[in-house]
Amino acid sequence: VEGGGIGAARAAVALAWDLADDGRLDAD
């Protein structure tokens, strides 16, 4: 993650869902 604030949280969560949904990364 580059940057901070709520934007960083939203971008990171969106990426995490993307990765979990296509099987690249376990959700936990």
PDB file of all heavy atoms in Angstrom:
ATOM      1  N   VAL A   1       0.839  -1.198   0.000  1.00  0.00           N
ATOM      2  CA  VAL A   1       0.000   0.000   0.000  1.00  0.00           C
ATOM      3  C   VAL A   1       0.869   1.240   0.000  1.00  0.00           C
ATOM      4  O   VAL A   1       1.810   1.354   0.789  1.00  0.00           O
ATOM      5  CB  VAL A   1      -0.937   0.011   1.220  1.00  0.00           C
ATOM      6  CG1 VAL A   1      -1.777   1.296   1.245  1.00  0.00           C
ATOM      7  CG2 VAL A   1      -1.852  -1.208   1.221  1.00  0.00           C
ATOM      8  N   GLU A   2       0.567   2.156  -0.899  1.00  0.00           N
ATOM      9  CA  GLU A   2       1.222   3.465  -0.939  1.00  0.00           C
ATOM     10  C   GLU A   2       0.178   4.521  -0.628  1.00  0.00           C
ATOM     11  O   GLU A   2      -0.900   4.522  -1.228  1.00  0.00           O
ATOM     12  CB  GLU A   2       1.838   3.723  -2.308  1.00  0.00           C
ATOM     13  CG  GLU A   2       2.918   2.724  -2.698  1.00  0.00           C
ATOM     14  CD  GLU A   2       3.428   2.953  -4.108  1.00  0.00           C
ATOM     15  OE1 GLU A   2       2.910   3.889  -4.778  1.00  0.00           O
ATOM     16  OE2 GLU A   2       4.311   2.202  -4.549  1.00  0.00           O
ATOM     17  N   GLY A   3       0.503   5.421   0.279  1.00  0.00           N
ATOM     18  CA  GLY A   3      -0.455   6.435   0.688  1.00  0.00           C
ATOM     19  C   GLY A   3      -1.137   6.023   1.979  1.00  0.00           C
ATOM     20  O   GLY A   3      -0.837   4.994   2.573  1.00  0.00           O
ATOM     21  N   GLY A   4      -2.054   6.863   2.422  1.00  0.00           N
ATOM     22  CA  GLY A   4      -2.714   6.589   3.694  1.00  0.00           C
ATOM     23  C   GLY A   4      -4.149   7.058   3.692  1.00  0.00           C
ATOM     24  O   GLY A   4      -4.730   7.376   2.654  1.00  0.00           O
ATOM     25  N   GLY A   5      -4.721   7.120   4.884  1.00  0.00           N
ATOM     26  CA  GLY A   5      -6.089   7.584   5.037  1.00  0.00           C
ATOM     27  C   GLY A   5      -7.111   6.568   4.560  1.00  0.00           C
ATOM     28  O   GLY A   5      -6.800   5.406   4.269  1.00  0.00           O
ATOM     29  N   ILE A   6      -8.333   7.022   4.437  1.00  0.00           N
ATOM     30  CA  ILE A   6      -9.424   6.131   4.059  1.00  0.00           C
ATOM     31  C   ILE A   6      -9.249   5.596   2.640  1.00  0.00           C
ATOM     32  O   ILE A   6      -9.682   4.479   2.335  1.00  0.00           O
ATOM     33  CB  ILE A   6     -10.788   6.858   4.220  1.00  0.00           C
ATOM     34  CG1 ILE A   6     -11.951   5.864   4.065  1.00  0.00           C
ATOM     35  CG2 ILE A   6     -10.897   8.012   3.238  1.00  0.00           C
ATOM     36  CD1 ILE A   6     -12.003   4.796   5.123  1.00  0.00           C
ATOM     37  N   GLY A   7      -8.590   6.361   1.790  1.00  0.00           N
ATOM     38  CA  GLY A   7      -8.344   5.892   0.426  1.00  0.00           C
ATOM     39  C   GLY A   7      -7.500   4.636   0.412  1.00  0.00           C
ATOM     40  O   GLY A   7      -7.750   3.712  -0.370  1.00  0.00           O
ATOM     41  N   ALA A   8      -6.481   4.577   1.284  1.00  0.00           N
ATOM     42  CA  ALA A   8      -5.635   3.395   1.363  1.00  0.00           C
ATOM     43  C   ALA A   8      -6.439   2.179   1.814  1.00  0.00           C
ATOM     44  O   ALA A   8      -6.277   1.080   1.295  1.00  0.00           O
ATOM     45  CB  ALA A   8      -4.473   3.650   2.324  1.00  0.00           C
ATOM     46  N   ALA A   9      -7.313   2.390   2.791  1.00  0.00           N
ATOM     47  CA  ALA A   9      -8.138   1.293   3.286  1.00  0.00           C
ATOM     48  C   ALA A   9      -9.077   0.780   2.196  1.00  0.00           C
ATOM     49  O   ALA A   9      -9.207  -0.441   1.991  1.00  0.00           O
ATOM     50  CB  ALA A   9      -8.938   1.752   4.503  1.00  0.00           C
ATOM     51  N   ARG A  10      -9.723   1.680   1.480  1.00  0.00           N
ATOM     52  CA  ARG A  10     -10.659   1.261   0.433  1.00  0.00           C
ATOM     53  C   ARG A  10      -9.946   0.531  -0.696  1.00  0.00           C
ATOM     54  O   ARG A  10     -10.431  -0.490  -1.195  1.00  0.00           O
ATOM     55  CB  ARG A  10     -11.403   2.481  -0.107  1.00  0.00           C
ATOM     56  CG  ARG A  10     -12.361   3.113   0.892  1.00  0.00           C
ATOM     57  CD  ARG A  10     -12.926   4.428   0.395  1.00  0.00           C
ATOM     58  NE  ARG A  10     -13.781   5.056   1.396  1.00  0.00           N
ATOM     59  CZ  ARG A  10     -14.229   6.304   1.319  1.00  0.00           C
ATOM     60  NH1 ARG A  10     -13.884   7.071   0.269  1.00  0.00           N
ATOM     61  NH2 ARG A  10     -14.998   6.797   2.273  1.00  0.00           N
ATOM     62  N   ALA A  11      -8.792   1.041  -1.120  1.00  0.00           N
ATOM     63  CA  ALA A  11      -8.055   0.405  -2.203  1.00  0.00           C
ATOM     64  C   ALA A  11      -7.548  -0.973  -1.777  1.00  0.00           C
ATOM     65  O   ALA A  11      -7.633  -1.944  -2.539  1.00  0.00           O
ATOM     66  CB  ALA A  11      -6.890   1.286  -2.634  1.00  0.00           C
ATOM     67  N   ALA A  12      -7.040  -1.080  -0.557  1.00  0.00           N
ATOM     68  CA  ALA A  12      -6.499  -2.346  -0.076  1.00  0.00           C
ATOM     69  C   ALA A  12      -7.585  -3.405   0.065  1.00  0.00           C
ATOM     70  O   ALA A  12      -7.383  -4.574  -0.281  1.00  0.00           O
ATOM     71  CB  ALA A  12      -5.781  -2.131   1.255  1.00  0.00           C
ATOM     72  N   VAL A  13      -8.744  -3.014   0.578  1.00  0.00           N
ATOM     73  CA  VAL A  13      -9.844  -3.964   0.745  1.00  0.00           C
ATOM     74  C   VAL A  13     -10.351  -4.427  -0.622  1.00  0.00           C
ATOM     75  O   VAL A  13     -10.607  -5.620  -0.835  1.00  0.00           O
ATOM     76  CB  VAL A  13     -10.974  -3.352   1.582  1.00  0.00           C
ATOM     77  CG1 VAL A  13     -12.224  -4.231   1.548  1.00  0.00           C
ATOM     78  CG2 VAL A  13     -10.514  -3.166   3.027  1.00  0.00           C
ATOM     79  N   ALA A  14     -10.490  -3.502  -1.556  1.00  0.00           N
ATOM     80  CA  ALA A  14     -10.942  -3.872  -2.904  1.00  0.00           C
ATOM     81  C   ALA A  14      -9.972  -4.852  -3.545  1.00  0.00           C
ATOM     82  O   ALA A  14     -10.378  -5.835  -4.183  1.00  0.00           O
ATOM     83  CB  ALA A  14     -11.097  -2.628  -3.771  1.00  0.00           C
ATOM     84  N   LEU A  15      -8.683  -4.618  -3.387  1.00  0.00           N
ATOM     85  CA  LEU A  15      -7.670  -5.517  -3.938  1.00  0.00           C
ATOM     86  C   LEU A  15      -7.749  -6.888  -3.261  1.00  0.00           C
ATOM     87  O   LEU A  15      -7.671  -7.931  -3.925  1.00  0.00           O
ATOM     88  CB  LEU A  15      -6.281  -4.915  -3.764  1.00  0.00           C
ATOM     89  CG  LEU A  15      -5.102  -5.812  -4.164  1.00  0.00           C
ATOM     90  CD1 LEU A  15      -5.208  -6.246  -5.622  1.00  0.00           C
ATOM     91  CD2 LEU A  15      -3.774  -5.102  -3.900  1.00  0.00           C
ATOM     92  N   ALA A  16      -7.915  -6.893  -1.937  1.00  0.00           N
ATOM     93  CA  ALA A  16      -7.994  -8.154  -1.205  1.00  0.00           C
ATOM     94  C   ALA A  16      -9.170  -8.997  -1.688  1.00  0.00           C
ATOM     95  O   ALA A  16      -9.041 -10.219  -1.872  1.00  0.00           O
ATOM     96  CB  ALA A  16      -8.116  -7.879   0.289  1.00  0.00           C
ATOM     97  N   TRP A  17     -10.321  -8.380  -1.891  1.00  0.00           N
ATOM     98  CA  TRP A  17     -11.489  -9.111  -2.397  1.00  0.00           C
ATOM     99  C   TRP A  17     -11.212  -9.664  -3.796  1.00  0.00           C
ATOM    100  O   TRP A  17     -11.578 -10.791  -4.110  1.00  0.00           O
ATOM    101  CB  TRP A  17     -12.711  -8.206  -2.416  1.00  0.00           C
ATOM    102  CG  TRP A  17     -13.236  -7.863  -1.060  1.00  0.00           C
ATOM    103  CD1 TRP A  17     -12.953  -8.499   0.113  1.00  0.00           C
ATOM    104  CD2 TRP A  17     -14.132  -6.813  -0.734  1.00  0.00           C
ATOM    105  NE1 TRP A  17     -13.625  -7.899   1.151  1.00  0.00           N
ATOM    106  CE2 TRP A  17     -14.355  -6.862   0.665  1.00  0.00           C
ATOM    107  CE3 TRP A  17     -14.772  -5.823  -1.481  1.00  0.00           C
ATOM    108  CZ2 TRP A  17     -15.195  -5.962   1.319  1.00  0.00           C
ATOM    109  CZ3 TRP A  17     -15.610  -4.923  -0.835  1.00  0.00           C
ATOM    110  CH2 TRP A  17     -15.821  -4.992   0.557  1.00  0.00           C
ATOM    111  N   ASP A  18     -10.569  -8.861  -4.616  1.00  0.00           N
ATOM    112  CA  ASP A  18     -10.212  -9.277  -5.978  1.00  0.00           C
ATOM    113  C   ASP A  18      -9.347 -10.533  -5.928  1.00  0.00           C
ATOM    114  O   ASP A  18      -9.590 -11.517  -6.635  1.00  0.00           O
ATOM    115  CB  ASP A  18      -9.460  -8.133  -6.645  1.00  0.00           C
ATOM    116  CG  ASP A  18      -9.703  -8.060  -8.146  1.00  0.00           C
ATOM    117  OD1 ASP A  18     -10.558  -8.799  -8.651  1.00  0.00           O
ATOM    118  OD2 ASP A  18      -9.028  -7.247  -8.809  1.00  0.00           O
ATOM    119  N   LEU A  19      -8.334 -10.509  -5.079  1.00  0.00           N
ATOM    120  CA  LEU A  19      -7.394 -11.616  -4.988  1.00  0.00           C
ATOM    121  C   LEU A  19      -8.049 -12.867  -4.406  1.00  0.00           C
ATOM    122  O   LEU A  19      -7.791 -13.992  -4.860  1.00  0.00           O
ATOM    123  CB  LEU A  19      -6.198 -11.209  -4.121  1.00  0.00           C
ATOM    124  CG  LEU A  19      -5.331 -10.071  -4.660  1.00  0.00           C
ATOM    125  CD1 LEU A  19      -4.320  -9.631  -3.610  1.00  0.00           C
ATOM    126  CD2 LEU A  19      -4.624 -10.486  -5.941  1.00  0.00           C
ATOM    127  N   ALA A  20      -8.886 -12.667  -3.396  1.00  0.00           N
ATOM    128  CA  ALA A  20      -9.558 -13.812  -2.773  1.00  0.00           C
ATOM    129  C   ALA A  20     -10.560 -14.451  -3.724  1.00  0.00           C
ATOM    130  O   ALA A  20     -10.670 -15.686  -3.795  1.00  0.00           O
ATOM    131  CB  ALA A  20     -10.247 -13.368  -1.491  1.00  0.00           C
ATOM    132  N   ASP A  21     -11.290 -13.624  -4.457  1.00  0.00           N
ATOM    133  CA  ASP A  21     -12.334 -14.153  -5.338  1.00  0.00           C
ATOM    134  C   ASP A  21     -11.783 -14.958  -6.500  1.00  0.00           C
ATOM    135  O   ASP A  21     -12.439 -15.881  -6.990  1.00  0.00           O
ATOM    136  CB  ASP A  21     -13.217 -13.010  -5.860  1.00  0.00           C
ATOM    137  CG  ASP A  21     -14.111 -12.430  -4.781  1.00  0.00           C
ATOM    138  OD1 ASP A  21     -14.229 -13.046  -3.708  1.00  0.00           O
ATOM    139  OD2 ASP A  21     -14.690 -11.345  -5.007  1.00  0.00           O
ATOM    140  N   ASP A  22     -10.596 -14.600  -6.984  1.00  0.00           N
ATOM    141  CA  ASP A  22     -10.043 -15.379  -8.105  1.00  0.00           C
ATOM    142  C   ASP A  22      -9.007 -16.407  -7.650  1.00  0.00           C
ATOM    143  O   ASP A  22      -8.292 -16.987  -8.468  1.00  0.00           O
ATOM    144  CB  ASP A  22      -9.486 -14.472  -9.202  1.00  0.00           C
ATOM    145  CG  ASP A  22      -8.278 -13.656  -8.764  1.00  0.00           C
ATOM    146  OD1 ASP A  22      -7.685 -13.969  -7.714  1.00  0.00           O
ATOM    147  OD2 ASP A  22      -7.918 -12.712  -9.489  1.00  0.00           O
ATOM    148  N   GLY A  23      -8.934 -16.623  -6.330  1.00  0.00           N
ATOM    149  CA  GLY A  23      -8.114 -17.705  -5.810  1.00  0.00           C
ATOM    150  C   GLY A  23      -6.639 -17.423  -5.685  1.00  0.00           C
ATOM    151  O   GLY A  23      -5.859 -18.346  -5.396  1.00  0.00           O
ATOM    152  N   ARG A  24      -6.211 -16.182  -5.875  1.00  0.00           N
ATOM    153  CA  ARG A  24      -4.788 -15.883  -5.767  1.00  0.00           C
ATOM    154  C   ARG A  24      -4.302 -15.741  -4.330  1.00  0.00           C
ATOM    155  O   ARG A  24      -3.112 -15.877  -4.049  1.00  0.00           O
ATOM    156  CB  ARG A  24      -4.459 -14.601  -6.544  1.00  0.00           C
ATOM    157  CG  ARG A  24      -4.386 -14.802  -8.041  1.00  0.00           C
ATOM    158  CD  ARG A  24      -3.992 -13.524  -8.762  1.00  0.00           C
ATOM    159  NE  ARG A  24      -5.090 -12.561  -8.818  1.00  0.00           N
ATOM    160  CZ  ARG A  24      -4.969 -11.327  -9.296  1.00  0.00           C
ATOM    161  NH1 ARG A  24      -3.791 -10.898  -9.714  1.00  0.00           N
ATOM    162  NH2 ARG A  24      -6.015 -10.528  -9.349  1.00  0.00           N
ATOM    163  N   LEU A  25      -5.225 -15.480  -3.402  1.00  0.00           N
ATOM    164  CA  LEU A  25      -4.821 -15.269  -2.015  1.00  0.00           C
ATOM    165  C   LEU A  25      -5.953 -15.693  -1.096  1.00  0.00           C
ATOM    166  O   LEU A  25      -7.113 -15.347  -1.333  1.00  0.00           O
ATOM    167  CB  LEU A  25      -4.481 -13.786  -1.782  1.00  0.00           C
ATOM    168  CG  LEU A  25      -3.866 -13.412  -0.425  1.00  0.00           C
ATOM    169  CD1 LEU A  25      -2.512 -14.108  -0.249  1.00  0.00           C
ATOM    170  CD2 LEU A  25      -3.687 -11.904  -0.324  1.00  0.00           C
ATOM    171  N   ASP A  26      -5.625 -16.472  -0.070  1.00  0.00           N
ATOM    172  CA  ASP A  26      -6.621 -16.877   0.918  1.00  0.00           C
ATOM    173  C   ASP A  26      -7.201 -15.642   1.603  1.00  0.00           C
ATOM    174  O   ASP A  26      -6.478 -14.683   1.898  1.00  0.00           O
ATOM    175  CB  ASP A  26      -5.961 -17.791   1.952  1.00  0.00           C
ATOM    176  CG  ASP A  26      -6.897 -18.178   3.068  1.00  0.00           C
ATOM    177  OD1 ASP A  26      -7.714 -19.083   2.867  1.00  0.00           O
ATOM    178  OD2 ASP A  26      -6.808 -17.545   4.143  1.00  0.00           O
ATOM    179  N   ALA A  27      -8.514 -15.656   1.860  1.00  0.00           N
ATOM    180  CA  ALA A  27      -9.184 -14.479   2.421  1.00  0.00           C
ATOM    181  C   ALA A  27      -8.606 -14.086   3.771  1.00  0.00           C
ATOM    182  O   ALA A  27      -8.407 -12.900   4.051  1.00  0.00           O
ATOM    183  CB  ALA A  27     -10.689 -14.745   2.537  1.00  0.00           C
ATOM    184  N   ASP A  28      -8.313 -15.055   4.630  1.00  0.00           N
ATOM    185  CA  ASP A  28      -7.762 -14.730   5.944  1.00  0.00           C
ATOM    186  C   ASP A  28      -6.358 -14.139   5.829  1.00  0.00           C
ATOM    187  O   ASP A  28      -5.993 -13.217   6.571  1.00  0.00           O
ATOM    188  CB  ASP A  28      -7.732 -15.970   6.832  1.00  0.00           C
ATOM    189  CG  ASP A  28      -9.116 -16.409   7.274  1.00  0.00           C
ATOM    190  OD1 ASP A  28     -10.016 -15.546   7.336  1.00  0.00           O
ATOM    191  OD2 ASP A  28      -9.303 -17.605   7.558  1.00  0.00           O
TER     192      ASP A  28
END
